Amino acid sequence: MVDRFADDWGTAGLDAPTMALLAHAEKLTREPWTVDTADIETLRGHGFDDRGISSLTQVVAYFNYINRVADGLGVGAEDWLGPDGTPT
């Protein structure tokens, strides 16, 4: 399952709430300006409460932020990571 997830999380056979969480995380990462109340309602429909949605948003936003800081400062990947970000 880990390999399937690494290849394409959308086809890894995950449960519906996890799929909703990951879809939201991807949308927040790739097109944050498009996130709207319908997206939040989708998460609520999968059982996420406001605290969980807030935590999800903060974790995703933090990782996006810190990656952009590293990129902006020219910080390279760790020595043990390959160019695609996977361990060597």
PDB file of N, CA and C in Angstrom:
ATOM      1  N   MET A   1       0.825  -1.194   0.000  1.00  0.00           N
ATOM      2  CA  MET A   1       0.000   0.000   0.000  1.00  0.00           C
ATOM      3  C   MET A   1       0.867   1.255   0.000  1.00  0.00           C
ATOM      4  N   VAL A   2       1.992   1.216   0.683  1.00  0.00           N
ATOM      5  CA  VAL A   2       2.873   2.384   0.738  1.00  0.00           C
ATOM      6  C   VAL A   2       3.371   2.726  -0.655  1.00  0.00           C
ATOM      7  N   ASP A   3       3.750   1.728  -1.420  1.00  0.00           N
ATOM      8  CA  ASP A   3       4.217   1.983  -2.781  1.00  0.00           C
ATOM      9  C   ASP A   3       3.105   2.561  -3.640  1.00  0.00           C
ATOM     10  N   ARG A   4       1.882   2.020  -3.503  1.00  0.00           N
ATOM     11  CA  ARG A   4       0.752   2.565  -4.258  1.00  0.00           C
ATOM     12  C   ARG A   4       0.494   4.005  -3.863  1.00  0.00           C
ATOM     13  N   PHE A   5       0.588   4.298  -2.564  1.00  0.00           N
ATOM     14  CA  PHE A   5       0.387   5.663  -2.080  1.00  0.00           C
ATOM     15  C   PHE A   5       1.444   6.587  -2.663  1.00  0.00           C
ATOM     16  N   ALA A   6       2.687   6.157  -2.651  1.00  0.00           N
ATOM     17  CA  ALA A   6       3.777   6.985  -3.182  1.00  0.00           C
ATOM     18  C   ALA A   6       3.608   7.234  -4.676  1.00  0.00           C
ATOM     19  N   ASP A   7       3.120   6.235  -5.395  1.00  0.00           N
ATOM     20  CA  ASP A   7       2.910   6.390  -6.839  1.00  0.00           C
ATOM     21  C   ASP A   7       1.731   7.305  -7.140  1.00  0.00           C
ATOM     22  N   ASP A   8       0.606   7.102  -6.445  1.00  0.00           N
ATOM     23  CA  ASP A   8      -0.608   7.892  -6.687  1.00  0.00           C
ATOM     24  C   ASP A   8      -1.575   7.650  -5.541  1.00  0.00           C
ATOM     25  N   TRP A   9      -1.635   8.582  -4.594  1.00  0.00           N
ATOM     26  CA  TRP A   9      -2.490   8.388  -3.424  1.00  0.00           C
ATOM     27  C   TRP A   9      -3.955   8.212  -3.809  1.00  0.00           C
ATOM     28  N   GLY A  10      -4.346   8.753  -4.953  1.00  0.00           N
ATOM     29  CA  GLY A  10      -5.734   8.661  -5.385  1.00  0.00           C
ATOM     30  C   GLY A  10      -6.181   7.262  -5.770  1.00  0.00           C
ATOM     31  N   THR A  11      -5.226   6.380  -6.022  1.00  0.00           N
ATOM     32  CA  THR A  11      -5.566   5.003  -6.395  1.00  0.00           C
ATOM     33  C   THR A  11      -5.027   3.997  -5.383  1.00  0.00           C
ATOM     34  N   ALA A  12      -4.695   4.471  -4.189  1.00  0.00           N
ATOM     35  CA  ALA A  12      -4.081   3.596  -3.187  1.00  0.00           C
ATOM     36  C   ALA A  12      -5.098   2.808  -2.363  1.00  0.00           C
ATOM     37  N   GLY A  13      -6.391   2.979  -2.637  1.00  0.00           N
ATOM     38  CA  GLY A  13      -7.404   2.229  -1.910  1.00  0.00           C
ATOM     39  C   GLY A  13      -7.650   2.732  -0.500  1.00  0.00           C
ATOM     40  N   LEU A  14      -7.498   4.022  -0.295  1.00  0.00           N
ATOM     41  CA  LEU A  14      -7.699   4.611   1.029  1.00  0.00           C
ATOM     42  C   LEU A  14      -9.184   4.830   1.302  1.00  0.00           C
ATOM     43  N   ASP A  15      -9.533   4.952   2.571  1.00  0.00           N
ATOM     44  CA  ASP A  15     -10.929   5.185   2.930  1.00  0.00           C
ATOM     45  C   ASP A  15     -11.363   6.595   2.523  1.00  0.00           C
ATOM     46  N   ALA A  16     -12.668   6.792   2.437  1.00  0.00           N
ATOM     47  CA  ALA A  16     -13.231   8.050   1.935  1.00  0.00           C
ATOM     48  C   ALA A  16     -12.805   9.273   2.753  1.00  0.00           C
ATOM     49  N   PRO A  17     -12.805   9.232   4.100  1.00  0.00           N
ATOM     50  CA  PRO A  17     -12.361  10.413   4.843  1.00  0.00           C
ATOM     51  C   PRO A  17     -10.896  10.781   4.560  1.00  0.00           C
ATOM     52  N   THR A  18     -10.041   9.769   4.448  1.00  0.00           N
ATOM     53  CA  THR A  18      -8.630  10.039   4.148  1.00  0.00           C
ATOM     54  C   THR A  18      -8.484  10.623   2.752  1.00  0.00           C
ATOM     55  N   MET A  19      -9.252  10.099   1.808  1.00  0.00           N
ATOM     56  CA  MET A  19      -9.215  10.636   0.445  1.00  0.00           C
ATOM     57  C   MET A  19      -9.654  12.097   0.432  1.00  0.00           C
ATOM     58  N   ALA A  20     -10.700  12.425   1.190  1.00  0.00           N
ATOM     59  CA  ALA A  20     -11.177  13.809   1.264  1.00  0.00           C
ATOM     60  C   ALA A  20     -10.115  14.712   1.873  1.00  0.00           C
ATOM     61  N   LEU A  21      -9.462  14.240   2.931  1.00  0.00           N
ATOM     62  CA  LEU A  21      -8.395  15.004   3.569  1.00  0.00           C
ATOM     63  C   LEU A  21      -7.258  15.269   2.588  1.00  0.00           C
ATOM     64  N   LEU A  22      -6.818  14.244   1.886  1.00  0.00           N
ATOM     65  CA  LEU A  22      -5.701  14.396   0.948  1.00  0.00           C
ATOM     66  C   LEU A  22      -6.074  15.268  -0.244  1.00  0.00           C
ATOM     67  N   ALA A  23      -7.297  15.140  -0.730  1.00  0.00           N
ATOM     68  CA  ALA A  23      -7.748  15.999  -1.830  1.00  0.00           C
ATOM     69  C   ALA A  23      -7.747  17.457  -1.391  1.00  0.00           C
ATOM     70  N   HIS A  24      -8.195  17.707  -0.161  1.00  0.00           N
ATOM     71  CA  HIS A  24      -8.194  19.071   0.357  1.00  0.00           C
ATOM     72  C   HIS A  24      -6.763  19.581   0.508  1.00  0.00           C
ATOM     73  N   ALA A  25      -5.881  18.745   1.033  1.00  0.00           N
ATOM     74  CA  ALA A  25      -4.480  19.139   1.195  1.00  0.00           C
ATOM     75  C   ALA A  25      -3.845  19.467  -0.155  1.00  0.00           C
ATOM     76  N   GLU A  26      -4.138  18.664  -1.159  1.00  0.00           N
ATOM     77  CA  GLU A  26      -3.583  18.923  -2.489  1.00  0.00           C
ATOM     78  C   GLU A  26      -4.139  20.228  -3.062  1.00  0.00           C
ATOM     79  N   LYS A  27      -5.431  20.458  -2.912  1.00  0.00           N
ATOM     80  CA  LYS A  27      -6.030  21.696  -3.417  1.00  0.00           C
ATOM     81  C   LYS A  27      -5.457  22.908  -2.689  1.00  0.00           C
ATOM     82  N   LEU A  28      -5.299  22.798  -1.375  1.00  0.00           N
ATOM     83  CA  LEU A  28      -4.727  23.889  -0.591  1.00  0.00           C
ATOM     84  C   LEU A  28      -3.286  24.158  -0.999  1.00  0.00           C
ATOM     85  N   THR A  29      -2.580  23.139  -1.410  1.00  0.00           N
ATOM     86  CA  THR A  29      -1.182  23.280  -1.846  1.00  0.00           C
ATOM     87  C   THR A  29      -1.086  23.856  -3.255  1.00  0.00           C
ATOM     88  N   ARG A  30      -1.866  23.317  -4.170  1.00  0.00           N
ATOM     89  CA  ARG A  30      -1.734  23.694  -5.580  1.00  0.00           C
ATOM     90  C   ARG A  30      -2.541  24.924  -5.986  1.00  0.00           C
ATOM     91  N   GLU A  31      -3.724  25.096  -5.409  1.00  0.00           N
ATOM     92  CA  GLU A  31      -4.612  26.202  -5.800  1.00  0.00           C
ATOM     93  C   GLU A  31      -5.329  26.761  -4.570  1.00  0.00           C
ATOM     94  N   PRO A  32      -4.573  27.324  -3.624  1.00  0.00           N
ATOM     95  CA  PRO A  32      -5.195  27.752  -2.363  1.00  0.00           C
ATOM     96  C   PRO A  32      -6.284  28.803  -2.541  1.00  0.00           C
ATOM     97  N   TRP A  33      -6.200  29.591  -3.576  1.00  0.00           N
ATOM     98  CA  TRP A  33      -7.199  30.640  -3.816  1.00  0.00           C
ATOM     99  C   TRP A  33      -8.559  30.076  -4.204  1.00  0.00           C
ATOM    100  N   THR A  34      -8.622  28.782  -4.530  1.00  0.00           N
ATOM    101  CA  THR A  34      -9.895  28.180  -4.931  1.00  0.00           C
ATOM    102  C   THR A  34     -10.633  27.494  -3.787  1.00  0.00           C
ATOM    103  N   VAL A  35      -9.993  27.376  -2.621  1.00  0.00           N
ATOM    104  CA  VAL A  35     -10.641  26.735  -1.477  1.00  0.00           C
ATOM    105  C   VAL A  35     -11.793  27.618  -1.015  1.00  0.00           C
ATOM    106  N   ASP A  36     -12.966  27.006  -0.840  1.00  0.00           N
ATOM    107  CA  ASP A  36     -14.134  27.774  -0.413  1.00  0.00           C
ATOM    108  C   ASP A  36     -14.955  26.974   0.591  1.00  0.00           C
ATOM    109  N   THR A  37     -16.095  27.523   0.969  1.00  0.00           N
ATOM    110  CA  THR A  37     -16.911  26.874   2.001  1.00  0.00           C
ATOM    111  C   THR A  37     -17.397  25.492   1.579  1.00  0.00           C
ATOM    112  N   ALA A  38     -17.580  25.279   0.290  1.00  0.00           N
ATOM    113  CA  ALA A  38     -17.990  23.950  -0.178  1.00  0.00           C
ATOM    114  C   ALA A  38     -16.926  22.907   0.160  1.00  0.00           C
ATOM    115  N   ASP A  39     -15.661  23.285   0.068  1.00  0.00           N
ATOM    116  CA  ASP A  39     -14.575  22.364   0.416  1.00  0.00           C
ATOM    117  C   ASP A  39     -14.609  22.025   1.903  1.00  0.00           C
ATOM    118  N   ILE A  40     -14.878  23.025   2.718  1.00  0.00           N
ATOM    119  CA  ILE A  40     -14.970  22.800   4.165  1.00  0.00           C
ATOM    120  C   ILE A  40     -16.160  21.895   4.474  1.00  0.00           C
ATOM    121  N   GLU A  41     -17.264  22.123   3.801  1.00  0.00           N
ATOM    122  CA  GLU A  41     -18.450  21.280   4.006  1.00  0.00           C
ATOM    123  C   GLU A  41     -18.191  19.842   3.572  1.00  0.00           C
ATOM    124  N   THR A  42     -17.399  19.667   2.533  1.00  0.00           N
ATOM    125  CA  THR A  42     -17.031  18.311   2.109  1.00  0.00           C
ATOM    126  C   THR A  42     -16.285  17.595   3.227  1.00  0.00           C
ATOM    127  N   LEU A  43     -15.343  18.297   3.847  1.00  0.00           N
ATOM    128  CA  LEU A  43     -14.610  17.693   4.962  1.00  0.00           C
ATOM    129  C   LEU A  43     -15.546  17.375   6.130  1.00  0.00           C
ATOM    130  N   ARG A  44     -16.434  18.292   6.433  1.00  0.00           N
ATOM    131  CA  ARG A  44     -17.401  18.043   7.514  1.00  0.00           C
ATOM    132  C   ARG A  44     -18.260  16.822   7.192  1.00  0.00           C
ATOM    133  N   GLY A  45     -18.624  16.684   5.924  1.00  0.00           N
ATOM    134  CA  GLY A  45     -19.419  15.536   5.509  1.00  0.00           C
ATOM    135  C   GLY A  45     -18.701  14.208   5.679  1.00  0.00           C
ATOM    136  N   HIS A  46     -17.384  14.264   5.783  1.00  0.00           N
ATOM    137  CA  HIS A  46     -16.585  13.052   6.010  1.00  0.00           C
ATOM    138  C   HIS A  46     -16.202  12.892   7.473  1.00  0.00           C
ATOM    139  N   GLY A  47     -16.833  13.705   8.340  1.00  0.00           N
ATOM    140  CA  GLY A  47     -16.633  13.528   9.771  1.00  0.00           C
ATOM    141  C   GLY A  47     -15.612  14.424  10.430  1.00  0.00           C
ATOM    142  N   PHE A  48     -15.034  15.341   9.683  1.00  0.00           N
ATOM    143  CA  PHE A  48     -14.049  16.247  10.273  1.00  0.00           C
ATOM    144  C   PHE A  48     -14.766  17.407  10.959  1.00  0.00           C
ATOM    145  N   ASP A  49     -14.331  17.728  12.171  1.00  0.00           N
ATOM    146  CA  ASP A  49     -14.894  18.883  12.869  1.00  0.00           C
ATOM    147  C   ASP A  49     -14.001  20.102  12.629  1.00  0.00           C
ATOM    148  N   ASP A  50     -14.412  21.239  13.167  1.00  0.00           N
ATOM    149  CA  ASP A  50     -13.661  22.469  12.920  1.00  0.00           C
ATOM    150  C   ASP A  50     -12.228  22.385  13.435  1.00  0.00           C
ATOM    151  N   ARG A  51     -12.041  21.723  14.564  1.00  0.00           N
ATOM    152  CA  ARG A  51     -10.683  21.572  15.100  1.00  0.00           C
ATOM    153  C   ARG A  51      -9.814  20.749  14.144  1.00  0.00           C
ATOM    154  N   GLY A  52     -10.354  19.664  13.635  1.00  0.00           N
ATOM    155  CA  GLY A  52      -9.608  18.829  12.698  1.00  0.00           C
ATOM    156  C   GLY A  52      -9.304  19.552  11.396  1.00  0.00           C
ATOM    157  N   ILE A  53     -10.275  20.303  10.902  1.00  0.00           N
ATOM    158  CA  ILE A  53     -10.075  21.071   9.662  1.00  0.00           C
ATOM    159  C   ILE A  53      -9.022  22.147   9.880  1.00  0.00           C
ATOM    160  N   SER A  54      -9.061  22.791  11.036  1.00  0.00           N
ATOM    161  CA  SER A  54      -8.048  23.794  11.353  1.00  0.00           C
ATOM    162  C   SER A  54      -6.659  23.162  11.432  1.00  0.00           C
ATOM    163  N   SER A  55      -6.557  22.027  12.093  1.00  0.00           N
ATOM    164  CA  SER A  55      -5.260  21.339  12.202  1.00  0.00           C
ATOM    165  C   SER A  55      -4.735  20.940  10.832  1.00  0.00           C
ATOM    166  N   LEU A  56      -5.605  20.366  10.012  1.00  0.00           N
ATOM    167  CA  LEU A  56      -5.217  19.986   8.653  1.00  0.00           C
ATOM    168  C   LEU A  56      -4.687  21.192   7.890  1.00  0.00           C
ATOM    169  N   THR A  57      -5.424  22.277   7.943  1.00  0.00           N
ATOM    170  CA  THR A  57      -5.037  23.480   7.213  1.00  0.00           C
ATOM    171  C   THR A  57      -3.699  24.023   7.711  1.00  0.00           C
ATOM    172  N   GLN A  58      -3.506  24.037   9.003  1.00  0.00           N
ATOM    173  CA  GLN A  58      -2.264  24.573   9.556  1.00  0.00           C
ATOM    174  C   GLN A  58      -1.056  23.708   9.213  1.00  0.00           C
ATOM    175  N   VAL A  59      -1.221  22.395   9.267  1.00  0.00           N
ATOM    176  CA  VAL A  59      -0.108  21.504   8.928  1.00  0.00           C
ATOM    177  C   VAL A  59       0.263  21.642   7.457  1.00  0.00           C
ATOM    178  N   VAL A  60      -0.736  21.622   6.583  1.00  0.00           N
ATOM    179  CA  VAL A  60      -0.472  21.755   5.145  1.00  0.00           C
ATOM    180  C   VAL A  60       0.171  23.117   4.854  1.00  0.00           C
ATOM    181  N   ALA A  61      -0.386  24.167   5.431  1.00  0.00           N
ATOM    182  CA  ALA A  61       0.151  25.511   5.195  1.00  0.00           C
ATOM    183  C   ALA A  61       1.578  25.629   5.714  1.00  0.00           C
ATOM    184  N   TYR A  62       1.857  25.041   6.866  1.00  0.00           N
ATOM    185  CA  TYR A  62       3.213  25.110   7.418  1.00  0.00           C
ATOM    186  C   TYR A  62       4.212  24.422   6.490  1.00  0.00           C
ATOM    187  N   PHE A  63       3.889  23.219   6.040  1.00  0.00           N
ATOM    188  CA  PHE A  63       4.821  22.514   5.163  1.00  0.00           C
ATOM    189  C   PHE A  63       5.006  23.267   3.844  1.00  0.00           C
ATOM    190  N   ASN A  64       3.942  23.837   3.313  1.00  0.00           N
ATOM    191  CA  ASN A  64       4.083  24.642   2.102  1.00  0.00           C
ATOM    192  C   ASN A  64       4.976  25.847   2.367  1.00  0.00           C
ATOM    193  N   TYR A  65       4.762  26.506   3.490  1.00  0.00           N
ATOM    194  CA  TYR A  65       5.564  27.675   3.864  1.00  0.00           C
ATOM    195  C   TYR A  65       7.041  27.309   3.987  1.00  0.00           C
ATOM    196  N   ILE A  66       7.339  26.293   4.788  1.00  0.00           N
ATOM    197  CA  ILE A  66       8.739  25.973   5.055  1.00  0.00           C
ATOM    198  C   ILE A  66       9.445  25.473   3.795  1.00  0.00           C
ATOM    199  N   ASN A  67       8.725  24.775   2.928  1.00  0.00           N
ATOM    200  CA  ASN A  67       9.336  24.354   1.657  1.00  0.00           C
ATOM    201  C   ASN A  67       9.642  25.558   0.773  1.00  0.00           C
ATOM    202  N   ARG A  68       8.769  26.546   0.758  1.00  0.00           N
ATOM    203  CA  ARG A  68       9.018  27.747  -0.042  1.00  0.00           C
ATOM    204  C   ARG A  68      10.160  28.569   0.539  1.00  0.00           C
ATOM    205  N   VAL A  69      10.276  28.620   1.852  1.00  0.00           N
ATOM    206  CA  VAL A  69      11.409  29.301   2.477  1.00  0.00           C
ATOM    207  C   VAL A  69      12.705  28.607   2.070  1.00  0.00           C
ATOM    208  N   ALA A  70      12.729  27.290   2.173  1.00  0.00           N
ATOM    209  CA  ALA A  70      13.929  26.542   1.792  1.00  0.00           C
ATOM    210  C   ALA A  70      14.258  26.754   0.324  1.00  0.00           C
ATOM    211  N   ASP A  71      13.251  26.681  -0.545  1.00  0.00           N
ATOM    212  CA  ASP A  71      13.486  26.916  -1.970  1.00  0.00           C
ATOM    213  C   ASP A  71      13.992  28.332  -2.209  1.00  0.00           C
ATOM    214  N   GLY A  72      13.384  29.303  -1.536  1.00  0.00           N
ATOM    215  CA  GLY A  72      13.760  30.704  -1.719  1.00  0.00           C
ATOM    216  C   GLY A  72      15.159  31.023  -1.246  1.00  0.00           C
ATOM    217  N   LEU A  73      15.653  30.243  -0.302  1.00  0.00           N
ATOM    218  CA  LEU A  73      17.011  30.448   0.203  1.00  0.00           C
ATOM    219  C   LEU A  73      18.027  29.527  -0.457  1.00  0.00           C
ATOM    220  N   GLY A  74      17.545  28.717  -1.382  1.00  0.00           N
ATOM    221  CA  GLY A  74      18.451  27.814  -2.096  1.00  0.00           C
ATOM    222  C   GLY A  74      18.922  26.634  -1.265  1.00  0.00           C
ATOM    223  N   VAL A  75      18.153  26.285  -0.246  1.00  0.00           N
ATOM    224  CA  VAL A  75      18.517  25.146   0.591  1.00  0.00           C
ATOM    225  C   VAL A  75      18.221  23.872  -0.182  1.00  0.00           C
ATOM    226  N   GLY A  76      19.232  23.046  -0.343  1.00  0.00           N
ATOM    227  CA  GLY A  76      19.066  21.801  -1.077  1.00  0.00           C
ATOM    228  C   GLY A  76      18.470  20.706  -0.223  1.00  0.00           C
ATOM    229  N   ALA A  77      18.138  19.626  -0.853  1.00  0.00           N
ATOM    230  CA  ALA A  77      17.596  18.461  -0.151  1.00  0.00           C
ATOM    231  C   ALA A  77      18.677  17.834   0.721  1.00  0.00           C
ATOM    232  N   GLU A  78      18.249  17.096   1.698  1.00  0.00           N
ATOM    233  CA  GLU A  78      19.178  16.347   2.542  1.00  0.00           C
ATOM    234  C   GLU A  78      19.996  15.400   1.671  1.00  0.00           C
ATOM    235  N   ASP A  79      21.215  15.092   2.113  1.00  0.00           N
ATOM    236  CA  ASP A  79      22.103  14.224   1.347  1.00  0.00           C
ATOM    237  C   ASP A  79      21.527  12.842   1.081  1.00  0.00           C
ATOM    238  N   TRP A  80      20.646  12.379   1.973  1.00  0.00           N
ATOM    239  CA  TRP A  80      20.112  11.027   1.833  1.00  0.00           C
ATOM    240  C   TRP A  80      18.885  10.972   0.933  1.00  0.00           C
ATOM    241  N   LEU A  81      18.482  12.122   0.375  1.00  0.00           N
ATOM    242  CA  LEU A  81      17.342  12.148  -0.538  1.00  0.00           C
ATOM    243  C   LEU A  81      17.814  12.289  -1.977  1.00  0.00           C
ATOM    244  N   GLY A  82      17.135  11.593  -2.861  1.00  0.00           N
ATOM    245  CA  GLY A  82      17.427  11.729  -4.280  1.00  0.00           C
ATOM    246  C   GLY A  82      16.764  12.989  -4.842  1.00  0.00           C
ATOM    247  N   PRO A  83      16.983  13.288  -6.122  1.00  0.00           N
ATOM    248  CA  PRO A  83      16.418  14.493  -6.718  1.00  0.00           C
ATOM    249  C   PRO A  83      14.902  14.547  -6.714  1.00  0.00           C
ATOM    250  N   ASP A  84      14.245  13.395  -6.636  1.00  0.00           N
ATOM    251  CA  ASP A  84      12.783  13.371  -6.609  1.00  0.00           C
ATOM    252  C   ASP A  84      12.230  13.379  -5.183  1.00  0.00           C
ATOM    253  N   GLY A  85      13.106  13.482  -4.189  1.00  0.00           N
ATOM    254  CA  GLY A  85      12.679  13.546  -2.797  1.00  0.00           C
ATOM    255  C   GLY A  85      12.534  12.201  -2.113  1.00  0.00           C
ATOM    256  N   THR A  86      12.847  11.134  -2.809  1.00  0.00           N
ATOM    257  CA  THR A  86      12.761   9.813  -2.187  1.00  0.00           C
ATOM    258  C   THR A  86      14.130   9.412  -1.654  1.00  0.00           C
ATOM    259  N   PRO A  87      14.157   8.592  -0.606  1.00  0.00           N
ATOM    260  CA  PRO A  87      15.436   8.150  -0.038  1.00  0.00           C
ATOM    261  C   PRO A  87      16.260   7.396  -1.067  1.00  0.00           C
ATOM    262  N   THR A  88      17.561   7.611  -1.011  1.00  0.00           N
ATOM    263  CA  THR A  88      18.484   6.894  -1.931  1.00  0.00           C
ATOM    264  C   THR A  88      19.067   5.698  -1.269  1.00  0.00           C
TER     265      THR A  88
END
